[in-house]
């Protein structure tokens, strides 16, 4: 028997709630059945007891072997696609003054540098504006370096699409803050990985000036509040070994500055070697996280118009098409895109991603059966803070709420 990794459990008294994270199916089972699933995982050559098999069969988490499970998973995750994907991100530029130790751009990106033209940007917006009302204006670069970034925000808004971006506060000068707020930016996620100047520079390079970051953040919040702008501001820190002791201090700083949300996020694996990642920190959270659906639903547009599958493709490893030559509808329906959606297990981009099903198998082996399958919110404390004064501030938080929030095990 083969027990898939795509389910989680929550304990309540003598019972266990098991949830199939692909289909959403759930069942309350006797606690002993969880031990039976563990036994089946450890002894794949043996069959489940009839009583346990009857209980878990409707959940579709136990199969004859891994091959059968893969066939089921491929079918379950191949939902009927829309004519257009969600454009998750448009890369305004891939230029960046920061040399972040946790970013593959610093050491591995080989593609040419450039910035999107407003003509191409508007052409993309015209194709998506009927199907979505928000997108992000970043990918692998510092978007604030685009000289017409406020014009891009205005173009999108004119077509009914609100926009946001992730950026570094030393680059968000008061002049840029004013231009973006006036243009109607909906959402700003700013990264500040340490409140110690030397640690901050050590993480993000010489351009990471804490004095500038602090001054620009306070100016942004003050200008937003005084002007009554409808812009949600999030300050985030990536959890690593060098800043792990700063989490509580960071969240207190978020409250002091008055951003809408402070959040500590997990370290991303990207495609770094495991040994390198281990020198930086621990990327895996305790408890289960769902698998990735991005190949079936969305794309990212690079500055030169090429379309890639997701926000992890920093170097254009998997190019689905080119918007300077074809429409998004044609690219999404192309044999190249169809093949990727159907067989993305053959692509290194996906196989090395920490959200993939193949990585989750490795993670389950490392963490152990019970720790891996435990539902996150039952066992861990989320490292985030929300400003009480911001709870009625529009829908800004909902616009970008995919953070892999750093969680700490309860003791």
Protein backbone atom coordinates (compact mmCIF):
# COMPACT_ATOMS: atom_id res chain seq x y z
CA UNK A 1 0.00 0.00 0.00
CA UNK A 2 1.09 3.58 -0.62
CA UNK A 3 0.03 6.46 1.64
CA UNK A 4 0.16 9.80 -0.20
CA UNK A 5 1.64 12.94 1.41
CA UNK A 6 -1.37 15.11 0.55
CA UNK A 7 -3.41 15.01 3.72
CA UNK A 8 -3.33 16.48 7.20
CA UNK A 9 -4.80 15.58 10.53
CA UNK A 10 -6.15 17.41 13.55
CA UNK A 11 -6.75 15.69 16.87
CA UNK A 12 -9.83 16.25 18.99
CA UNK A 13 -10.39 14.16 22.11
CA UNK A 14 -10.34 10.50 21.06
CA UNK A 15 -10.98 11.22 17.38
CA UNK A 16 -8.83 12.41 14.49
CA UNK A 17 -10.06 14.65 11.67
CA UNK A 18 -8.27 13.73 8.43
CA UNK A 19 -8.47 16.07 5.44
CA UNK A 20 -7.48 15.28 1.85
CA UNK A 21 -5.74 18.55 0.92
CA UNK A 22 -6.31 18.00 -2.81
CA UNK A 23 -10.06 17.35 -2.83
CA UNK A 24 -11.05 18.81 0.54
CA UNK A 25 -12.72 15.55 1.55
CA UNK A 26 -12.62 14.93 5.27
CA UNK A 27 -13.56 12.24 7.75
CA UNK A 28 -13.45 11.82 11.50
CA UNK A 29 -11.75 8.57 12.38
CA UNK A 30 -10.83 6.79 15.55
CA UNK A 31 -7.38 7.87 16.76
CA UNK A 32 -6.11 4.31 16.26
CA UNK A 33 -6.63 4.67 12.50
CA UNK A 34 -3.87 7.26 12.38
CA UNK A 35 -1.48 4.65 13.78
CA UNK A 36 -2.75 2.21 11.15
CA UNK A 37 -1.94 4.74 8.39
CA UNK A 38 1.52 5.15 9.83
CA UNK A 39 1.97 1.39 9.83
CA UNK A 40 0.86 1.21 6.19
CA UNK A 41 3.34 3.95 5.30
CA UNK A 42 6.17 2.09 7.03
CA UNK A 43 5.13 -1.32 5.59
CA UNK A 44 3.96 -0.71 2.00
CA UNK A 45 3.98 -4.42 1.16
CA UNK A 46 1.17 -5.13 3.64
CA UNK A 47 -2.53 -4.39 3.27
CA UNK A 48 -4.59 -2.24 5.59
CA UNK A 49 -6.95 -3.98 7.93
CA UNK A 50 -10.47 -4.14 6.43
CA UNK A 51 -11.94 -1.82 9.03
CA UNK A 52 -9.30 0.84 8.46
CA UNK A 53 -9.50 0.46 4.67
CA UNK A 54 -13.26 1.06 4.75
CA UNK A 55 -12.75 4.18 6.84
CA UNK A 56 -10.05 5.81 4.70
CA UNK A 57 -10.97 4.63 1.18
CA UNK A 58 -13.44 7.51 0.57
CA UNK A 59 -10.66 9.98 1.42
CA UNK A 60 -8.46 8.75 -1.47
CA UNK A 61 -5.20 8.95 0.42
CA UNK A 62 -4.18 5.25 0.25
CA UNK A 63 -3.42 3.52 -3.05
CA UNK A 64 -2.08 0.19 -4.26
CA UNK A 65 1.26 1.79 -5.12
CA UNK A 66 2.91 5.13 -5.89
CA UNK A 67 2.22 4.83 -9.62
CA UNK A 68 -1.53 4.55 -9.01
CA UNK A 69 -1.35 7.51 -6.64
CA UNK A 70 0.46 9.58 -9.28
CA UNK A 71 -2.22 8.77 -11.86
CA UNK A 72 -4.95 9.80 -9.44
CA UNK A 73 -3.11 12.98 -8.48
CA UNK A 74 -2.54 13.97 -12.10
CA UNK A 75 -6.26 13.59 -12.75
CA UNK A 76 -7.33 15.36 -9.55
CA UNK A 77 -5.07 18.37 -10.18
CA UNK A 78 -5.96 18.71 -13.87
CA UNK A 79 -9.11 20.72 -13.39
CA UNK A 80 -10.75 22.20 -16.51
CA UNK A 81 -8.66 25.23 -17.37
CA UNK A 82 -9.95 28.68 -18.17
CA UNK A 83 -9.22 30.26 -21.54
CA UNK A 84 -6.92 32.70 -19.75
CA UNK A 85 -4.60 32.09 -16.82
CA UNK A 86 -4.25 34.47 -13.93
CA UNK A 87 -1.25 36.73 -14.53
CA UNK A 88 0.26 36.48 -11.09
CA UNK A 89 3.13 38.91 -11.68
CA UNK A 90 4.46 41.26 -14.34
CA UNK A 91 8.16 41.97 -14.04
CA UNK A 92 8.78 45.67 -14.54
CA UNK A 93 12.55 45.15 -14.45
CA UNK A 94 15.06 42.51 -13.41
CA UNK A 95 17.66 45.09 -12.45
CA UNK A 96 18.42 45.22 -8.74
CA UNK A 97 21.04 46.93 -6.53
CA UNK A 98 20.68 44.32 -3.75
CA UNK A 99 22.74 41.13 -3.45
CA UNK A 100 20.53 39.09 -1.15
CA UNK A 101 22.03 35.85 0.16
CA UNK A 102 18.67 34.05 -0.07
CA UNK A 103 17.87 35.15 -3.65
CA UNK A 104 18.93 33.04 -6.64
CA UNK A 105 19.19 36.20 -8.71
CA UNK A 106 22.40 37.07 -6.86
CA UNK A 107 24.37 34.02 -7.98
CA UNK A 108 22.40 32.13 -10.64
CA UNK A 109 20.39 34.42 -12.92
CA UNK A 110 21.87 34.46 -16.43
CA UNK A 111 19.22 36.23 -18.51
CA UNK A 112 19.76 39.71 -19.87
CA UNK A 113 18.78 42.78 -17.89
CA UNK A 114 16.10 45.19 -18.98
CA UNK A 115 12.81 46.93 -18.25
CA UNK A 116 9.36 46.45 -19.72
CA UNK A 117 8.06 49.11 -22.08
CA UNK A 118 4.79 50.78 -21.21
CA UNK A 119 3.47 49.75 -24.62
CA UNK A 120 4.03 46.06 -23.86
CA UNK A 121 2.78 46.50 -20.30
CA UNK A 122 -0.51 47.99 -21.47
CA UNK A 123 -0.89 45.27 -24.09
CA UNK A 124 -0.70 42.67 -21.32
CA UNK A 125 -3.13 44.58 -19.10
CA UNK A 126 -5.62 44.86 -21.97
CA UNK A 127 -5.61 41.06 -22.28
CA UNK A 128 -6.20 40.31 -18.61
CA UNK A 129 -8.40 43.16 -17.42
CA UNK A 130 -11.67 41.35 -18.02
CA UNK A 131 -10.65 38.34 -15.96
CA UNK A 132 -8.80 39.71 -12.95
CA UNK A 133 -8.78 42.84 -10.86
CA UNK A 134 -5.36 42.65 -9.19
CA UNK A 135 -1.80 41.74 -10.09
CA UNK A 136 1.72 42.21 -8.75
CA UNK A 137 4.31 44.42 -10.46
CA UNK A 138 7.43 42.50 -9.47
CA UNK A 139 9.38 39.33 -10.12
CA UNK A 140 13.20 39.17 -9.91
CA UNK A 141 14.28 42.77 -9.72
CA UNK A 142 13.73 45.95 -7.77
CA UNK A 143 10.61 47.34 -9.45
CA UNK A 144 11.25 50.79 -8.00
CA UNK A 145 14.10 51.14 -10.52
CA UNK A 146 11.61 51.31 -13.40
CA UNK A 147 11.49 55.02 -14.27
CA UNK A 148 7.78 54.89 -15.17
CA UNK A 149 6.51 52.67 -12.37
CA UNK A 150 3.78 55.13 -11.38
CA UNK A 151 2.62 55.27 -14.99
CA UNK A 152 2.31 51.46 -14.98
CA UNK A 153 0.15 51.64 -11.85
CA UNK A 154 -2.08 54.24 -13.53
CA UNK A 155 -2.38 52.20 -16.74
CA UNK A 156 -3.48 49.11 -14.84
CA UNK A 157 -5.96 51.07 -12.74
CA UNK A 158 -7.42 52.73 -15.83
CA UNK A 159 -8.27 49.23 -17.06
CA UNK A 160 -9.82 48.25 -13.73
CA UNK A 161 -6.81 46.33 -12.40
CA UNK A 162 -5.39 47.27 -9.00
CA UNK A 163 -1.72 46.58 -8.48
CA UNK A 164 0.84 46.02 -5.77
CA UNK A 165 4.51 45.26 -5.50
CA UNK A 166 7.19 43.86 -3.24
CA UNK A 167 10.20 46.12 -2.77
CA UNK A 168 13.01 47.24 -0.49
CA UNK A 169 12.45 50.32 1.68
CA UNK A 170 15.91 51.89 1.12
CA UNK A 171 14.86 52.33 -2.53
CA UNK A 172 11.40 53.71 -1.73
CA UNK A 173 12.33 57.38 -1.49
CA UNK A 174 9.75 59.92 -0.32
CA UNK A 175 9.40 61.09 -3.92
CA UNK A 176 8.63 57.56 -5.11
CA UNK A 177 6.20 57.04 -2.23
CA UNK A 178 4.29 60.14 -3.27
CA UNK A 179 4.21 59.10 -6.93
CA UNK A 180 2.98 55.58 -6.13
CA UNK A 181 0.35 56.72 -3.66
CA UNK A 182 -0.91 59.36 -6.07
CA UNK A 183 -1.04 56.76 -8.86
CA UNK A 184 -3.27 54.50 -6.77
CA UNK A 185 -0.99 51.64 -5.72
CA UNK A 186 -3.16 49.18 -3.76
CA UNK A 187 -0.61 47.10 -1.92
CA UNK A 188 3.02 47.52 -0.85
CA UNK A 189 5.07 44.69 0.67
CA UNK A 190 8.39 45.97 2.01
CA UNK A 191 11.23 43.73 3.14
CA UNK A 192 13.32 44.48 6.22
CA UNK A 193 15.25 41.45 7.43
CA UNK A 194 17.01 42.93 10.44
CA UNK A 195 16.97 45.95 12.72
CA UNK A 196 20.73 45.70 13.13
CA UNK A 197 22.55 47.68 10.40
CA UNK A 198 25.40 45.17 9.98
CA UNK A 199 23.10 42.14 9.90
CA UNK A 200 20.82 43.85 7.38
CA UNK A 201 23.76 44.62 5.07
CA UNK A 202 25.05 41.08 5.52
CA UNK A 203 21.74 39.69 4.28
CA UNK A 204 20.95 42.07 1.40
CA UNK A 205 24.25 43.70 0.48
CA UNK A 206 25.69 47.21 0.44
CA UNK A 207 22.49 48.85 -0.81
CA UNK A 208 20.68 47.75 2.36
CA UNK A 209 20.95 50.89 4.50
CA UNK A 210 18.92 50.58 7.69
CA UNK A 211 18.86 54.33 8.30
CA UNK A 212 17.31 54.91 4.87
CA UNK A 213 14.89 52.01 5.31
CA UNK A 214 13.61 53.36 8.62
CA UNK A 215 13.29 56.94 7.35
CA UNK A 216 11.52 55.90 4.14
CA UNK A 217 9.10 53.57 5.95
CA UNK A 218 8.04 56.24 8.40
CA UNK A 219 7.63 58.78 5.59
CA UNK A 220 5.51 56.32 3.59
CA UNK A 221 3.16 55.51 6.48
CA UNK A 222 2.84 59.18 7.44
CA UNK A 223 2.09 60.28 3.89
CA UNK A 224 -0.41 57.43 3.40
CA UNK A 225 -2.23 58.21 6.64
CA UNK A 226 -2.25 61.99 6.23
CA UNK A 227 -3.43 61.76 2.63
CA UNK A 228 -6.14 59.16 3.24
CA UNK A 229 -4.80 56.85 0.54
CA UNK A 230 -6.33 53.37 0.22
CA UNK A 231 -3.00 51.51 0.22
CA UNK A 232 -2.25 48.49 2.39
CA UNK A 233 1.33 48.39 3.73
CA UNK A 234 2.97 45.16 4.87
CA UNK A 235 6.44 44.92 6.37
CA UNK A 236 8.02 41.48 6.14
CA UNK A 237 11.11 39.75 7.47
CA UNK A 238 12.52 36.49 6.10
CA UNK A 239 13.43 34.18 8.98
CA UNK A 240 17.04 33.00 8.94
CA UNK A 241 19.53 31.94 11.55
CA UNK A 242 21.16 35.38 11.68
CA UNK A 243 17.90 37.15 12.55
CA UNK A 244 15.88 34.47 14.34
CA UNK A 245 16.33 36.20 17.71
CA UNK A 246 14.83 39.41 16.28
CA UNK A 247 11.31 38.14 15.52
CA UNK A 248 9.56 39.70 18.52
CA UNK A 249 11.57 42.91 18.17
CA UNK A 250 10.65 43.10 14.49
CA UNK A 251 6.92 42.72 15.16
CA UNK A 252 7.13 45.39 17.86
CA UNK A 253 8.84 47.67 15.34
CA UNK A 254 5.98 47.10 12.88
CA UNK A 255 3.54 48.26 15.56
CA UNK A 256 5.69 51.31 16.31
CA UNK A 257 5.97 52.41 12.68
CA UNK A 258 2.26 51.83 12.12
CA UNK A 259 2.21 49.58 9.05
CA UNK A 260 -0.95 47.57 8.48
CA UNK A 261 0.70 44.21 8.88
CA UNK A 262 3.99 42.78 10.05
CA UNK A 263 4.83 39.25 9.02
CA UNK A 264 7.81 36.91 9.34
CA UNK A 265 8.01 34.53 6.37
CA UNK A 266 9.79 31.27 5.70
CA UNK A 267 13.10 31.08 3.92
CA UNK A 268 12.56 29.94 0.32
CA UNK A 269 14.48 26.96 -1.07
CA UNK A 270 14.45 27.99 -4.75
CA UNK A 271 16.96 25.66 -6.41
CA UNK A 272 19.87 26.19 -4.03
CA UNK A 273 21.84 23.16 -2.88
CA UNK A 274 20.55 21.76 0.39
CA UNK A 275 23.92 22.38 2.07
CA UNK A 276 23.74 26.10 1.23
CA UNK A 277 20.16 26.43 2.44
CA UNK A 278 21.13 24.79 5.71
CA UNK A 279 23.76 27.49 6.29
CA UNK A 280 21.04 30.15 6.01
CA UNK A 281 18.22 28.62 8.00
CA UNK A 282 15.33 26.19 8.10
CA UNK A 283 12.90 26.56 5.17
CA UNK A 284 10.31 23.98 6.23
CA UNK A 285 7.52 24.76 8.67
CA UNK A 286 6.13 22.27 11.17
CA UNK A 287 2.87 20.83 9.92
CA UNK A 288 1.33 20.24 6.53
CA UNK A 289 1.09 22.76 3.68
CA UNK A 290 -0.95 22.11 0.52
CA UNK A 291 0.72 21.29 -2.81
CA UNK A 292 1.21 23.79 -5.62
CA UNK A 293 -1.59 24.52 -8.10
CA UNK A 294 0.19 27.28 -10.03
CA UNK A 295 0.93 25.23 -13.20
CA UNK A 296 -2.82 24.82 -13.69
CA UNK A 297 -3.92 28.36 -12.99
CA UNK A 298 -1.40 31.16 -13.50
CA UNK A 299 1.68 32.56 -15.24
CA UNK A 300 4.30 35.29 -14.79
CA UNK A 301 5.32 37.78 -17.48
CA UNK A 302 9.02 38.68 -17.72
CA UNK A 303 10.14 42.21 -18.65
CA UNK A 304 10.80 41.19 -22.27
CA UNK A 305 7.34 39.65 -22.77
CA UNK A 306 8.25 36.01 -22.28
CA UNK A 307 5.77 34.01 -20.22
CA UNK A 308 6.97 31.59 -17.54
CA UNK A 309 4.91 29.28 -15.31
CA UNK A 310 5.38 30.82 -11.88
CA UNK A 311 7.12 33.16 -9.47
CA UNK A 312 9.93 30.64 -8.89
CA UNK A 313 11.21 30.77 -12.46
CA UNK A 314 13.84 33.46 -11.99
CA UNK A 315 15.87 32.68 -15.11
CA UNK A 316 13.27 31.85 -17.75
CA UNK A 317 13.94 28.12 -17.44
CA UNK A 318 10.49 27.17 -18.78
CA UNK A 319 9.24 29.63 -21.40
CA UNK A 320 5.64 28.99 -22.41
CA UNK A 321 5.46 31.74 -25.04
CA UNK A 322 6.26 35.33 -25.97
CA UNK A 323 3.71 38.12 -25.66
CA UNK A 324 5.54 40.26 -28.20
CA UNK A 325 4.49 37.69 -30.82
CA UNK A 326 1.41 35.90 -29.49
CA UNK A 327 -1.61 36.61 -27.32
CA UNK A 328 -1.98 35.22 -23.82
CA UNK A 329 -4.92 33.11 -24.99
CA UNK A 330 -2.78 31.51 -27.69
CA UNK A 331 0.13 30.91 -25.32
CA UNK A 332 -2.09 29.29 -22.67
CA UNK A 333 -3.63 26.99 -25.28
CA UNK A 334 -0.30 26.14 -26.96
CA UNK A 335 1.18 22.61 -26.98
CA UNK A 336 4.10 23.92 -24.90
CA UNK A 337 1.83 25.12 -22.10
CA UNK A 338 -0.42 22.06 -22.33
CA UNK A 339 2.58 19.77 -22.00
CA UNK A 340 3.89 21.64 -18.98
CA UNK A 341 0.54 21.45 -17.19
CA UNK A 342 0.20 17.77 -17.99
CA UNK A 343 3.78 16.63 -17.33
CA UNK A 344 5.43 19.18 -15.09
CA UNK A 345 6.97 16.34 -13.06
CA UNK A 346 9.53 16.11 -15.88
CA UNK A 347 10.71 19.71 -15.38
CA UNK A 348 13.55 20.50 -13.00
CA UNK A 349 11.87 23.81 -12.14
CA UNK A 350 9.05 21.90 -10.45
CA UNK A 351 10.93 18.92 -9.10
CA UNK A 352 13.26 21.12 -7.04
CA UNK A 353 10.49 23.37 -5.72
CA UNK A 354 9.56 22.99 -2.06
CA UNK A 355 5.84 23.17 -2.95
CA UNK A 356 6.01 20.20 -5.34
CA UNK A 357 4.74 16.74 -4.54
CA UNK A 358 8.19 15.25 -5.08
CA UNK A 359 9.79 17.56 -2.56
CA UNK A 360 7.01 16.81 -0.06
CA UNK A 361 7.91 13.13 -0.16
CA UNK A 362 11.48 14.02 0.80
CA UNK A 363 10.23 16.38 3.50
CA UNK A 364 8.01 13.67 5.00
CA UNK A 365 10.99 11.33 5.22
CA UNK A 366 13.10 13.99 6.94
CA UNK A 367 10.46 15.16 9.40
CA UNK A 368 8.73 11.91 10.17
CA UNK A 369 5.18 10.82 9.45
CA UNK A 370 3.34 12.46 12.36
CA UNK A 371 5.17 15.79 12.36
CA UNK A 372 4.76 16.20 8.60
CA UNK A 373 1.02 15.42 8.46
CA UNK A 374 0.03 17.45 11.50
CA UNK A 375 -2.13 20.45 10.58
CA UNK A 376 -0.04 23.57 11.01
CA UNK A 377 -2.36 25.69 13.09
CA UNK A 378 -2.78 22.97 15.69
CA UNK A 379 0.89 22.84 16.53
CA UNK A 380 2.50 26.17 15.79
CA UNK A 381 2.33 29.87 16.50
CA UNK A 382 2.25 32.24 13.51
CA UNK A 383 4.75 35.10 13.57
CA UNK A 384 2.66 38.02 12.41
CA UNK A 385 0.95 41.17 13.65
CA UNK A 386 -2.01 43.12 12.27
CA UNK A 387 -2.61 46.75 13.13
CA UNK A 388 -6.04 47.03 14.83
CA UNK A 389 -6.49 50.41 13.17
CA UNK A 390 -6.18 48.76 9.74
CA UNK A 391 -8.94 46.17 10.03
CA UNK A 392 -11.40 48.42 8.20
CA UNK A 393 -8.91 49.60 5.58
CA UNK A 394 -10.42 48.18 2.38
CA UNK A 395 -9.37 44.78 1.10
CA UNK A 396 -5.62 45.36 0.99
CA UNK A 397 -4.65 42.34 3.05
CA UNK A 398 -6.66 40.01 0.84
CA UNK A 399 -4.85 41.25 -2.26
CA UNK A 400 -1.62 39.53 -1.33
CA UNK A 401 -2.04 36.95 1.39
CA UNK A 402 0.04 34.03 0.18
CA UNK A 403 2.84 34.48 2.69
CA UNK A 404 4.45 31.27 3.89
CA UNK A 405 4.30 32.56 7.45
CA UNK A 406 7.06 31.46 9.78
CA UNK A 407 5.63 29.29 12.52
CA UNK A 408 7.16 28.24 15.81
CA UNK A 409 6.32 24.98 17.54
CA UNK A 410 4.38 25.38 20.74
CA UNK A 411 6.24 24.06 23.72
